[in-house]
PDB file of N, CA and C in Angstrom:
ATOM      1  N   MET A   1     123.203  77.542 110.238  1.00  0.00           N
ATOM      2  CA  MET A   1     123.514  78.142 108.968  1.00  0.00           C
ATOM      3  C   MET A   1     122.303  78.977 108.431  1.00  0.00           C
ATOM      4  N   LYS A   2     121.081  78.411 108.602  1.00  0.00           N
ATOM      5  CA  LYS A   2     119.899  79.104 108.074  1.00  0.00           C
ATOM      6  C   LYS A   2     119.765  80.485 108.738  1.00  0.00           C
ATOM      7  N   SER A   3     119.987  80.563 110.068  1.00  0.00           N
ATOM      8  CA  SER A   3     119.792  81.848 110.729  1.00  0.00           C
ATOM      9  C   SER A   3     120.848  82.856 110.255  1.00  0.00           C
ATOM     10  N   GLU A   4     122.068  82.405 109.949  1.00  0.00           N
ATOM     11  CA  GLU A   4     123.067  83.346 109.422  1.00  0.00           C
ATOM     12  C   GLU A   4     122.718  83.853 108.037  1.00  0.00           C
ATOM     13  N   ILE A   5     122.135  82.978 107.228  1.00  0.00           N
ATOM     14  CA  ILE A   5     121.743  83.367 105.896  1.00  0.00           C
ATOM     15  C   ILE A   5     120.556  84.361 105.964  1.00  0.00           C
ATOM     16  N   LEU A   6     119.603  84.061 106.809  1.00  0.00           N
ATOM     17  CA  LEU A   6     118.462  85.013 106.986  1.00  0.00           C
ATOM     18  C   LEU A   6     118.950  86.338 107.537  1.00  0.00           C
ATOM     19  N   ALA A   7     119.897  86.307 108.432  1.00  0.00           N
ATOM     20  CA  ALA A   7     120.470  87.571 108.954  1.00  0.00           C
ATOM     21  C   ALA A   7     121.161  88.350 107.852  1.00  0.00           C
ATOM     22  N   ALA A   8     121.845  87.643 106.978  1.00  0.00           N
ATOM     23  CA  ALA A   8     122.508  88.333 105.838  1.00  0.00           C
ATOM     24  C   ALA A   8     121.452  88.948 104.890  1.00  0.00           C
ATOM     25  N   LEU A   9     120.367  88.171 104.625  1.00  0.00           N
ATOM     26  CA  LEU A   9     119.338  88.670 103.748  1.00  0.00           C
ATOM     27  C   LEU A   9     118.608  89.879 104.380  1.00  0.00           C
ATOM     28  N   ALA A  10     118.548  89.915 105.701  1.00  0.00           N
ATOM     29  CA  ALA A  10     117.887  91.015 106.401  1.00  0.00           C
ATOM     30  C   ALA A  10     118.683  92.316 106.270  1.00  0.00           C
ATOM     31  N   THR A  11     119.913  92.251 105.738  1.00  0.00           N
ATOM     32  CA  THR A  11     120.688  93.485 105.513  1.00  0.00           C
ATOM     33  C   THR A  11     120.382  94.073 104.142  1.00  0.00           C
ATOM     34  N   VAL A  12     119.581  93.371 103.331  1.00  0.00           N
ATOM     35  CA  VAL A  12     119.265  93.799 101.959  1.00  0.00           C
ATOM     36  C   VAL A  12     117.882  94.474 102.009  1.00  0.00           C
ATOM     37  N   ASP A  13     117.882  95.737 101.621  1.00  0.00           N
ATOM     38  CA  ASP A  13     116.634  96.508 101.617  1.00  0.00           C
ATOM     39  C   ASP A  13     116.021  96.571 100.232  1.00  0.00           C
ATOM     40  N   ASP A  14     114.711  96.688 100.215  1.00  0.00           N
ATOM     41  CA  ASP A  14     114.007  97.078  99.002  1.00  0.00           C
ATOM     42  C   ASP A  14     114.279  98.578  98.913  1.00  0.00           C
ATOM     43  N   PRO A  15     115.019  99.039  97.886  1.00  0.00           N
ATOM     44  CA  PRO A  15     115.423 100.453  97.845  1.00  0.00           C
ATOM     45  C   PRO A  15     114.275 101.443  97.771  1.00  0.00           C
ATOM     46  N   GLU A  16     113.157 101.045  97.220  1.00  0.00           N
ATOM     47  CA  GLU A  16     112.014 101.967  97.138  1.00  0.00           C
ATOM     48  C   GLU A  16     111.315 102.105  98.466  1.00  0.00           C
ATOM     49  N   LEU A  17     111.294 101.047  99.253  1.00  0.00           N
ATOM     50  CA  LEU A  17     110.565 101.063 100.531  1.00  0.00           C
ATOM     51  C   LEU A  17     111.455 101.295 101.734  1.00  0.00           C
ATOM     52  N   GLY A  18     112.764 100.993 101.600  1.00  0.00           N
ATOM     53  CA  GLY A  18     113.676 101.139 102.725  1.00  0.00           C
ATOM     54  C   GLY A  18     113.402 100.143 103.834  1.00  0.00           C
ATOM     55  N   ILE A  19     112.888  98.946 103.454  1.00  0.00           N
ATOM     56  CA  ILE A  19     112.598  97.895 104.409  1.00  0.00           C
ATOM     57  C   ILE A  19     113.311  96.619 103.889  1.00  0.00           C
ATOM     58  N   ASP A  20     113.857  95.860 104.834  1.00  0.00           N
ATOM     59  CA  ASP A  20     114.624  94.702 104.372  1.00  0.00           C
ATOM     60  C   ASP A  20     113.689  93.612 103.829  1.00  0.00           C
ATOM     61  N   ILE A  21     114.290  92.779 102.938  1.00  0.00           N
ATOM     62  CA  ILE A  21     113.482  91.814 102.196  1.00  0.00           C
ATOM     63  C   ILE A  21     112.974  90.673 103.066  1.00  0.00           C
ATOM     64  N   VAL A  22     113.607  90.404 104.213  1.00  0.00           N
ATOM     65  CA  VAL A  22     113.060  89.395 105.127  1.00  0.00           C
ATOM     66  C   VAL A  22     111.819  89.897 105.824  1.00  0.00           C
ATOM     67  N   SER A  23     111.901  91.145 106.334  1.00  0.00           N
ATOM     68  CA  SER A  23     110.753  91.734 107.020  1.00  0.00           C
ATOM     69  C   SER A  23     109.561  91.942 106.068  1.00  0.00           C
ATOM     70  N   LEU A  24     109.858  92.171 104.797  1.00  0.00           N
ATOM     71  CA  LEU A  24     108.773  92.315 103.824  1.00  0.00           C
ATOM     72  C   LEU A  24     108.155  90.992 103.423  1.00  0.00           C
ATOM     73  N   GLY A  25     108.805  89.870 103.759  1.00  0.00           N
ATOM     74  CA  GLY A  25     108.315  88.563 103.386  1.00  0.00           C
ATOM     75  C   GLY A  25     108.601  88.229 101.933  1.00  0.00           C
ATOM     76  N   LEU A  26     109.695  88.761 101.423  1.00  0.00           N
ATOM     77  CA  LEU A  26     110.014  88.505 100.003  1.00  0.00           C
ATOM     78  C   LEU A  26     110.864  87.271  99.775  1.00  0.00           C
ATOM     79  N   VAL A  27     111.317  86.618 100.844  1.00  0.00           N
ATOM     80  CA  VAL A  27     112.074  85.394 100.717  1.00  0.00           C
ATOM     81  C   VAL A  27     111.077  84.213 100.648  1.00  0.00           C
ATOM     82  N   ARG A  28     110.911  83.674  99.466  1.00  0.00           N
ATOM     83  CA  ARG A  28     109.922  82.599  99.260  1.00  0.00           C
ATOM     84  C   ARG A  28     110.474  81.246  99.596  1.00  0.00           C
ATOM     85  N   ARG A  29     111.747  81.024  99.304  1.00  0.00           N
ATOM     86  CA  ARG A  29     112.361  79.735  99.537  1.00  0.00           C
ATOM     87  C   ARG A  29     113.819  79.880  99.820  1.00  0.00           C
ATOM     88  N   LEU A  30     114.325  79.069 100.743  1.00  0.00           N
ATOM     89  CA  LEU A  30     115.741  79.032 101.073  1.00  0.00           C
ATOM     90  C   LEU A  30     116.117  77.573 101.242  1.00  0.00           C
ATOM     91  N   ASP A  31     116.948  77.112 100.306  1.00  0.00           N
ATOM     92  CA  ASP A  31     117.415  75.740 100.344  1.00  0.00           C
ATOM     93  C   ASP A  31     118.965  75.721 100.556  1.00  0.00           C
ATOM     94  N   ILE A  32     119.377  74.936 101.520  1.00  0.00           N
ATOM     95  CA  ILE A  32     120.789  74.839 101.802  1.00  0.00           C
ATOM     96  C   ILE A  32     121.206  73.381 101.502  1.00  0.00           C
ATOM     97  N   GLY A  33     122.116  73.242 100.552  1.00  0.00           N
ATOM     98  CA  GLY A  33     122.614  71.910 100.211  1.00  0.00           C
ATOM     99  C   GLY A  33     124.094  71.801 100.552  1.00  0.00           C
ATOM    100  N   GLU A  34     124.716  70.807 100.002  1.00  0.00           N
ATOM    101  CA  GLU A  34     126.156  70.613 100.262  1.00  0.00           C
ATOM    102  C   GLU A  34     126.940  71.631  99.394  1.00  0.00           C
ATOM    103  N   GLY A  35     127.342  72.693 100.054  1.00  0.00           N
ATOM    104  CA  GLY A  35     128.097  73.759  99.396  1.00  0.00           C
ATOM    105  C   GLY A  35     127.281  74.653  98.521  1.00  0.00           C
ATOM    106  N   THR A  36     125.937  74.556  98.605  1.00  0.00           N
ATOM    107  CA  THR A  36     125.075  75.432  97.806  1.00  0.00           C
ATOM    108  C   THR A  36     124.019  76.068  98.648  1.00  0.00           C
ATOM    109  N   VAL A  37     123.638  77.268  98.267  1.00  0.00           N
ATOM    110  CA  VAL A  37     122.499  77.976  98.852  1.00  0.00           C
ATOM    111  C   VAL A  37     121.664  78.474  97.685  1.00  0.00           C
ATOM    112  N   THR A  38     120.413  78.079  97.668  1.00  0.00           N
ATOM    113  CA  THR A  38     119.501  78.504  96.634  1.00  0.00           C
ATOM    114  C   THR A  38     118.368  79.314  97.272  1.00  0.00           C
ATOM    115  N   ILE A  39     118.185  80.493  96.744  1.00  0.00           N
ATOM    116  CA  ILE A  39     117.183  81.407  97.307  1.00  0.00           C
ATOM    117  C   ILE A  39     116.210  81.838  96.216  1.00  0.00           C
ATOM    118  N   GLU A  40     114.965  81.807  96.560  1.00  0.00           N
ATOM    119  CA  GLU A  40     113.948  82.327  95.625  1.00  0.00           C
ATOM    120  C   GLU A  40     113.253  83.515  96.308  1.00  0.00           C
ATOM    121  N   LEU A  41     113.227  84.612  95.609  1.00  0.00           N
ATOM    122  CA  LEU A  41     112.611  85.835  96.109  1.00  0.00           C
ATOM    123  C   LEU A  41     111.386  86.155  95.290  1.00  0.00           C
ATOM    124  N   MET A  42     110.543  86.962  95.852  1.00  0.00           N
ATOM    125  CA  MET A  42     109.458  87.585  95.134  1.00  0.00           C
ATOM    126  C   MET A  42     109.603  89.098  95.309  1.00  0.00           C
ATOM    127  N   MET A  43     109.013  89.858  94.453  1.00  0.00           N
ATOM    128  CA  MET A  43     109.040  91.326  94.580  1.00  0.00           C
ATOM    129  C   MET A  43     107.671  91.823  95.016  1.00  0.00           C
ATOM    130  N   THR A  44     107.640  93.042  95.530  1.00  0.00           N
ATOM    131  CA  THR A  44     106.341  93.601  95.926  1.00  0.00           C
ATOM    132  C   THR A  44     105.425  93.826  94.742  1.00  0.00           C
ATOM    133  N   THR A  45     106.034  94.007  93.568  1.00  0.00           N
ATOM    134  CA  THR A  45     105.235  94.080  92.341  1.00  0.00           C
ATOM    135  C   THR A  45     105.924  93.188  91.308  1.00  0.00           C
ATOM    136  N   PRO A  46     105.170  92.474  90.496  1.00  0.00           N
ATOM    137  CA  PRO A  46     105.786  91.525  89.541  1.00  0.00           C
ATOM    138  C   PRO A  46     106.748  92.197  88.537  1.00  0.00           C
ATOM    139  N   THR A  47     106.523  93.481  88.268  1.00  0.00           N
ATOM    140  CA  THR A  47     107.391  94.170  87.270  1.00  0.00           C
ATOM    141  C   THR A  47     108.386  95.092  87.948  1.00  0.00           C
ATOM    142  N   CYS A  48     108.752  94.828  89.161  1.00  0.00           N
ATOM    143  CA  CYS A  48     109.696  95.656  89.892  1.00  0.00           C
ATOM    144  C   CYS A  48     110.957  95.885  89.094  1.00  0.00           C
ATOM    145  N   PRO A  49     111.293  97.145  88.761  1.00  0.00           N
ATOM    146  CA  PRO A  49     112.462  97.401  87.949  1.00  0.00           C
ATOM    147  C   PRO A  49     113.784  97.185  88.754  1.00  0.00           C
ATOM    148  N   LEU A  50     113.681  97.043  90.064  1.00  0.00           N
ATOM    149  CA  LEU A  50     114.867  96.881  90.879  1.00  0.00           C
ATOM    150  C   LEU A  50     115.095  95.433  91.326  1.00  0.00           C
ATOM    151  N   GLY A  51     114.298  94.527  90.801  1.00  0.00           N
ATOM    152  CA  GLY A  51     114.402  93.099  91.159  1.00  0.00           C
ATOM    153  C   GLY A  51     115.798  92.563  90.954  1.00  0.00           C
ATOM    154  N   GLY A  52     116.410  92.830  89.834  1.00  0.00           N
ATOM    155  CA  GLY A  52     117.745  92.337  89.544  1.00  0.00           C
ATOM    156  C   GLY A  52     118.747  92.872  90.547  1.00  0.00           C
ATOM    157  N   LEU A  53     118.656  94.109  90.914  1.00  0.00           N
ATOM    158  CA  LEU A  53     119.556  94.716  91.879  1.00  0.00           C
ATOM    159  C   LEU A  53     119.374  94.085  93.260  1.00  0.00           C
ATOM    160  N   ILE A  54     118.127  93.884  93.639  1.00  0.00           N
ATOM    161  CA  ILE A  54     117.838  93.278  94.957  1.00  0.00           C
ATOM    162  C   ILE A  54     118.354  91.850  95.004  1.00  0.00           C
ATOM    163  N   ALA A  55     118.166  91.084  93.926  1.00  0.00           N
ATOM    164  CA  ALA A  55     118.691  89.719  93.852  1.00  0.00           C
ATOM    165  C   ALA A  55     120.206  89.687  93.933  1.00  0.00           C
ATOM    166  N   GLU A  56     120.830  90.577  93.251  1.00  0.00           N
ATOM    167  CA  GLU A  56     122.300  90.630  93.286  1.00  0.00           C
ATOM    168  C   GLU A  56     122.795  91.049  94.649  1.00  0.00           C
ATOM    169  N   ASN A  57     122.167  91.999  95.292  1.00  0.00           N
ATOM    170  CA  ASN A  57     122.567  92.380  96.652  1.00  0.00           C
ATOM    171  C   ASN A  57     122.352  91.233  97.613  1.00  0.00           C
ATOM    172  N   ALA A  58     121.285  90.458  97.419  1.00  0.00           N
ATOM    173  CA  ALA A  58     121.032  89.291  98.290  1.00  0.00           C
ATOM    174  C   ALA A  58     122.138  88.256  98.098  1.00  0.00           C
ATOM    175  N   ARG A  59     122.488  87.999  96.840  1.00  0.00           N
ATOM    176  CA  ARG A  59     123.514  87.012  96.561  1.00  0.00           C
ATOM    177  C   ARG A  59     124.841  87.410  97.218  1.00  0.00           C
ATOM    178  N   VAL A  60     125.224  88.654  97.065  1.00  0.00           N
ATOM    179  CA  VAL A  60     126.500  89.117  97.641  1.00  0.00           C
ATOM    180  C   VAL A  60     126.477  89.036  99.154  1.00  0.00           C
ATOM    181  N   ALA A  61     125.368  89.460  99.763  1.00  0.00           N
ATOM    182  CA  ALA A  61     125.236  89.407 101.223  1.00  0.00           C
ATOM    183  C   ALA A  61     125.384  87.957 101.757  1.00  0.00           C
ATOM    184  N   VAL A  62     124.732  87.028 101.069  1.00  0.00           N
ATOM    185  CA  VAL A  62     124.791  85.633 101.503  1.00  0.00           C
ATOM    186  C   VAL A  62     126.189  85.049 101.259  1.00  0.00           C
ATOM    187  N   GLU A  63     126.789  85.377 100.146  1.00  0.00           N
ATOM    188  CA  GLU A  63     128.173  84.905  99.875  1.00  0.00           C
ATOM    189  C   GLU A  63     129.113  85.377 101.005  1.00  0.00           C
ATOM    190  N   ARG A  64     128.979  86.565 101.413  1.00  0.00           N
ATOM    191  CA  ARG A  64     129.776  87.066 102.523  1.00  0.00           C
ATOM    192  C   ARG A  64     129.555  86.287 103.821  1.00  0.00           C
ATOM    193  N   ALA A  65     128.295  85.959 104.048  1.00  0.00           N
ATOM    194  CA  ALA A  65     127.918  85.253 105.278  1.00  0.00           C
ATOM    195  C   ALA A  65     128.424  83.815 105.301  1.00  0.00           C
ATOM    196  N   VAL A  66     128.322  83.129 104.178  1.00  0.00           N
ATOM    197  CA  VAL A  66     128.686  81.690 104.150  1.00  0.00           C
ATOM    198  C   VAL A  66     130.150  81.463 103.885  1.00  0.00           C
ATOM    199  N   GLY A  67     130.830  82.447 103.281  1.00  0.00           N
ATOM    200  CA  GLY A  67     132.235  82.297 103.052  1.00  0.00           C
ATOM    201  C   GLY A  67     132.580  81.628 101.746  1.00  0.00           C
ATOM    202  N   ALA A  68     133.872  81.462 101.501  1.00  0.00           N
ATOM    203  CA  ALA A  68     134.380  80.899 100.246  1.00  0.00           C
ATOM    204  C   ALA A  68     133.968  79.431 100.161  1.00  0.00           C
ATOM    205  N   GLY A  69     133.868  78.974  98.932  1.00  0.00           N
ATOM    206  CA  GLY A  69     133.568  77.544  98.722  1.00  0.00           C
ATOM    207  C   GLY A  69     132.088  77.240  98.552  1.00  0.00           C
ATOM    208  N   TRP A  70     131.248  78.233  98.716  1.00  0.00           N
ATOM    209  CA  TRP A  70     129.804  78.050  98.584  1.00  0.00           C
ATOM    210  C   TRP A  70     129.345  78.633  97.253  1.00  0.00           C
ATOM    211  N   THR A  71     128.377  78.023  96.648  1.00  0.00           N
ATOM    212  CA  THR A  71     127.712  78.559  95.477  1.00  0.00           C
ATOM    213  C   THR A  71     126.350  79.090  95.905  1.00  0.00           C
ATOM    214  N   VAL A  72     126.125  80.360  95.634  1.00  0.00           N
ATOM    215  CA  VAL A  72     124.871  80.964  96.033  1.00  0.00           C
ATOM    216  C   VAL A  72     124.122  81.410  94.768  1.00  0.00           C
ATOM    217  N   SER A  73     122.888  80.970  94.628  1.00  0.00           N
ATOM    218  CA  SER A  73     122.051  81.409  93.487  1.00  0.00           C
ATOM    219  C   SER A  73     120.781  82.029  94.019  1.00  0.00           C
ATOM    220  N   VAL A  74     120.391  83.125  93.376  1.00  0.00           N
ATOM    221  CA  VAL A  74     119.176  83.813  93.778  1.00  0.00           C
ATOM    222  C   VAL A  74     118.345  84.019  92.515  1.00  0.00           C
ATOM    223  N   THR A  75     117.082  83.594  92.572  1.00  0.00           N
ATOM    224  CA  THR A  75     116.143  83.781  91.480  1.00  0.00           C
ATOM    225  C   THR A  75     114.944  84.569  91.992  1.00  0.00           C
ATOM    226  N   ILE A  76     114.218  85.138  91.050  1.00  0.00           N
ATOM    227  CA  ILE A  76     112.994  85.868  91.392  1.00  0.00           C
ATOM    228  C   ILE A  76     111.798  85.149  90.767  1.00  0.00           C
ATOM    229  N   ASP A  77     110.823  84.872  91.562  1.00  0.00           N
ATOM    230  CA  ASP A  77     109.563  84.285  91.098  1.00  0.00           C
ATOM    231  C   ASP A  77     108.654  85.428  90.676  1.00  0.00           C
ATOM    232  N   LYS A  78     108.591  85.695  89.395  1.00  0.00           N
ATOM    233  CA  LYS A  78     107.816  86.820  88.884  1.00  0.00           C
ATOM    234  C   LYS A  78     106.303  86.550  88.857  1.00  0.00           C
ATOM    235  N   ALA A  79     105.967  85.279  89.060  1.00  0.00           N
ATOM    236  CA  ALA A  79     104.517  84.920  89.065  1.00  0.00           C
ATOM    237  C   ALA A  79     103.937  85.051  90.481  1.00  0.00           C
ATOM    238  N   ALA A  80     104.771  85.129  91.478  1.00  0.00           N
ATOM    239  CA  ALA A  80     104.289  85.225  92.858  1.00  0.00           C
ATOM    240  C   ALA A  80     103.690  86.613  93.092  1.00  0.00           C
ATOM    241  N   VAL A  81     102.627  86.646  93.836  1.00  0.00           N
ATOM    242  CA  VAL A  81     101.922  87.890  94.134  1.00  0.00           C
ATOM    243  C   VAL A  81     102.122  88.236  95.600  1.00  0.00           C
ATOM    244  N   TRP A  82     102.778  89.346  95.875  1.00  0.00           N
ATOM    245  CA  TRP A  82     103.047  89.771  97.212  1.00  0.00           C
ATOM    246  C   TRP A  82     101.835  90.550  97.782  1.00  0.00           C
ATOM    247  N   SER A  83     101.632  90.422  99.084  1.00  0.00           N
ATOM    248  CA  SER A  83     100.628  91.205  99.767  1.00  0.00           C
ATOM    249  C   SER A  83     101.172  91.603 101.138  1.00  0.00           C
ATOM    250  N   PRO A  84     100.696  92.683 101.716  1.00  0.00           N
ATOM    251  CA  PRO A  84     101.189  93.102 103.039  1.00  0.00           C
ATOM    252  C   PRO A  84     101.078  92.033 104.124  1.00  0.00           C
ATOM    253  N   GLU A  85     100.142  91.103 103.952  1.00  0.00           N
ATOM    254  CA  GLU A  85     100.007  90.033 104.960  1.00  0.00           C
ATOM    255  C   GLU A  85     101.242  89.172 105.074  1.00  0.00           C
ATOM    256  N   LEU A  86     102.087  89.171 104.032  1.00  0.00           N
ATOM    257  CA  LEU A  86     103.325  88.377 104.055  1.00  0.00           C
ATOM    258  C   LEU A  86     104.455  89.049 104.859  1.00  0.00           C
ATOM    259  N   ALA A  87     104.279  90.337 105.136  1.00  0.00           N
ATOM    260  CA  ALA A  87     105.295  91.107 105.867  1.00  0.00           C
ATOM    261  C   ALA A  87     105.179  90.832 107.366  1.00  0.00           C
ATOM    262  N   ASP A  88     106.304  91.092 108.054  1.00  0.00           N
ATOM    263  CA  ASP A  88     106.289  91.014 109.499  1.00  0.00           C
ATOM    264  C   ASP A  88     105.239  91.995 110.023  1.00  0.00           C
ATOM    265  N   PRO A  89     104.586  91.629 111.151  1.00  0.00           N
ATOM    266  CA  PRO A  89     103.594  92.571 111.710  1.00  0.00           C
ATOM    267  C   PRO A  89     104.184  93.930 112.028  1.00  0.00           C
ATOM    268  N   SER A  90     105.487  93.968 112.334  1.00  0.00           N
ATOM    269  CA  SER A  90     106.112  95.269 112.678  1.00  0.00           C
ATOM    270  C   SER A  90     106.155  96.226 111.525  1.00  0.00           C
ATOM    271  N   VAL A  91     106.101  95.720 110.291  1.00  0.00           N
ATOM    272  CA  VAL A  91     106.123  96.611 109.121  1.00  0.00           C
ATOM    273  C   VAL A  91     104.808  96.627 108.373  1.00  0.00           C
ATOM    274  N   ARG A  92     103.929  95.704 108.712  1.00  0.00           N
ATOM    275  CA  ARG A  92     102.669  95.573 107.970  1.00  0.00           C
ATOM    276  C   ARG A  92     101.829  96.852 108.048  1.00  0.00           C
ATOM    277  N   SER A  93     101.843  97.518 109.210  1.00  0.00           N
ATOM    278  CA  SER A  93     101.048  98.728 109.379  1.00  0.00           C
ATOM    279  C   SER A  93     101.423  99.838 108.405  1.00  0.00           C
ATOM    280  N   ARG A  94     102.653  99.826 107.871  1.00  0.00           N
ATOM    281  CA  ARG A  94     103.047 100.858 106.880  1.00  0.00           C
ATOM    282  C   ARG A  94     102.242 100.734 105.598  1.00  0.00           C
ATOM    283  N   PHE A  95     101.618  99.585 105.377  1.00  0.00           N
ATOM    284  CA  PHE A  95     100.896  99.327 104.121  1.00  0.00           C
ATOM    285  C   PHE A  95      99.407  99.427 104.279  1.00  0.00           C
ATOM    286  N   GLU A  96      98.948  99.638 105.537  1.00  0.00           N
ATOM    287  CA  GLU A  96      97.529  99.748 105.762  1.00  0.00           C
ATOM    288  C   GLU A  96      97.028 101.121 105.304  1.00  0.00           C
ATOM    289  N   ARG A  97      95.831 101.100 104.813  1.00  0.00           N
ATOM    290  CA  ARG A  97      95.236 102.348 104.319  1.00  0.00           C
ATOM    291  C   ARG A  97      95.047 103.306 105.498  1.00  0.00           C
ATOM    292  N   GLN A  98      95.506 104.512 105.323  1.00  0.00           N
ATOM    293  CA  GLN A  98      95.317 105.532 106.344  1.00  0.00           C
ATOM    294  C   GLN A  98      94.114 106.426 105.961  1.00  0.00           C
ATOM    295  N   PRO A  99      93.306 106.888 106.915  1.00  0.00           N
ATOM    296  CA  PRO A  99      92.212 107.731 106.557  1.00  0.00           C
ATOM    297  C   PRO A  99      92.679 109.073 106.013  1.00  0.00           C
ATOM    298  N   SER A 100      91.895 109.593 105.083  1.00  0.00           N
ATOM    299  CA  SER A 100      92.243 110.916 104.546  1.00  0.00           C
ATOM    300  C   SER A 100      91.969 111.981 105.638  1.00  0.00           C
ATOM    301  N   ARG A 101      92.463 113.171 105.413  1.00  0.00           N
ATOM    302  CA  ARG A 101      92.214 114.238 106.382  1.00  0.00           C
ATOM    303  C   ARG A 101      90.694 114.487 106.542  1.00  0.00           C
ATOM    304  N   PHE A 102      89.976 114.387 105.445  1.00  0.00           N
ATOM    305  CA  PHE A 102      88.537 114.571 105.495  1.00  0.00           C
ATOM    306  C   PHE A 102      87.887 113.488 106.358  1.00  0.00           C
ATOM    307  N   GLU A 103      88.245 112.219 106.145  1.00  0.00           N
ATOM    308  CA  GLU A 103      87.697 111.119 106.949  1.00  0.00           C
ATOM    309  C   GLU A 103      88.050 111.291 108.408  1.00  0.00           C
ATOM    310  N   ALA A 104      89.262 111.720 108.707  1.00  0.00           N
ATOM    311  CA  ALA A 104      89.658 111.934 110.121  1.00  0.00           C
ATOM    312  C   ALA A 104      88.874 113.042 110.745  1.00  0.00           C
ATOM    313  N   ALA A 105      88.593 114.121 109.983  1.00  0.00           N
ATOM    314  CA  ALA A 105      87.815 115.245 110.490  1.00  0.00           C
ATOM    315  C   ALA A 105      86.373 114.827 110.764  1.00  0.00           C
ATOM    316  N   VAL A 106      85.794 114.050 109.868  1.00  0.00           N
ATOM    317  CA  VAL A 106      84.413 113.571 110.025  1.00  0.00           C
ATOM    318  C   VAL A 106      84.316 112.629 111.230  1.00  0.00           C
ATOM    319  N   SER A 107      85.339 111.771 111.415  1.00  0.00           N
ATOM    320  CA  SER A 107      85.396 110.878 112.570  1.00  0.00           C
ATOM    321  C   SER A 107      85.449 111.687 113.848  1.00  0.00           C
ATOM    322  N   LYS A 108      86.309 112.673 113.856  1.00  0.00           N
ATOM    323  CA  LYS A 108      86.479 113.490 115.066  1.00  0.00           C
ATOM    324  C   LYS A 108      85.151 114.250 115.363  1.00  0.00           C
ATOM    325  N   PHE A 109      84.526 114.779 114.346  1.00  0.00           N
ATOM    326  CA  PHE A 109      83.257 115.490 114.510  1.00  0.00           C
ATOM    327  C   PHE A 109      82.158 114.540 115.049  1.00  0.00           C
ATOM    328  N   ALA A 110      82.098 113.345 114.425  1.00  0.00           N
ATOM    329  CA  ALA A 110      81.088 112.356 114.889  1.00  0.00           C
ATOM    330  C   ALA A 110      81.343 111.917 116.340  1.00  0.00           C
ATOM    331  N   ALA A 111      82.580 111.758 116.676  1.00  0.00           N
ATOM    332  CA  ALA A 111      82.930 111.344 118.077  1.00  0.00           C
ATOM    333  C   ALA A 111      82.499 112.420 119.037  1.00  0.00           C
ATOM    334  N   GLY A 112      82.704 113.687 118.676  1.00  0.00           N
ATOM    335  CA  GLY A 112      82.285 114.794 119.522  1.00  0.00           C
ATOM    336  C   GLY A 112      80.751 114.870 119.604  1.00  0.00           C
ATOM    337  N   LEU A 113      80.108 114.649 118.513  1.00  0.00           N
ATOM    338  CA  LEU A 113      78.682 114.735 118.420  1.00  0.00           C
ATOM    339  C   LEU A 113      77.989 113.655 119.226  1.00  0.00           C
ATOM    340  N   PHE A 114      78.552 112.437 119.194  1.00  0.00           N
ATOM    341  CA  PHE A 114      77.946 111.293 119.864  1.00  0.00           C
ATOM    342  C   PHE A 114      78.654 110.916 121.149  1.00  0.00           C
ATOM    343  N   GLY A 115      79.587 111.749 121.577  1.00  0.00           N
ATOM    344  CA  GLY A 115      80.252 111.544 122.880  1.00  0.00           C
ATOM    345  C   GLY A 115      81.166 110.326 122.933  1.00  0.00           C
ATOM    346  N   ARG A 116      81.852 110.038 121.832  1.00  0.00           N
ATOM    347  CA  ARG A 116      82.783 108.885 121.861  1.00  0.00           C
ATOM    348  C   ARG A 116      84.160 109.339 121.951  1.00  0.00           C
TER     349      ARG A 116
END
């Protein structure tokens, strides 16, 4: 059941980033009880204006996955602080600082100058 729920949550994207909430590491807690699924999410920023939409999309996706007769609740932990380290390694690189064009040019020049 847990893998089906996580698969359903993986269909829910953060609309601003276009990356699913599981890969981003936004699923903080997933509890499965008798006829209940309780999910706690965090957002990439505590004041995310789309948090409500993401939570609702997550609830609907999980309800579809578990079927009728289940109660699904999704809350957002607004105190949790997200960082790229929580994301899957496959998406983490999207959040790493990229060198500016100037830094890249200096690096290329230095490599040529010092034979690297």
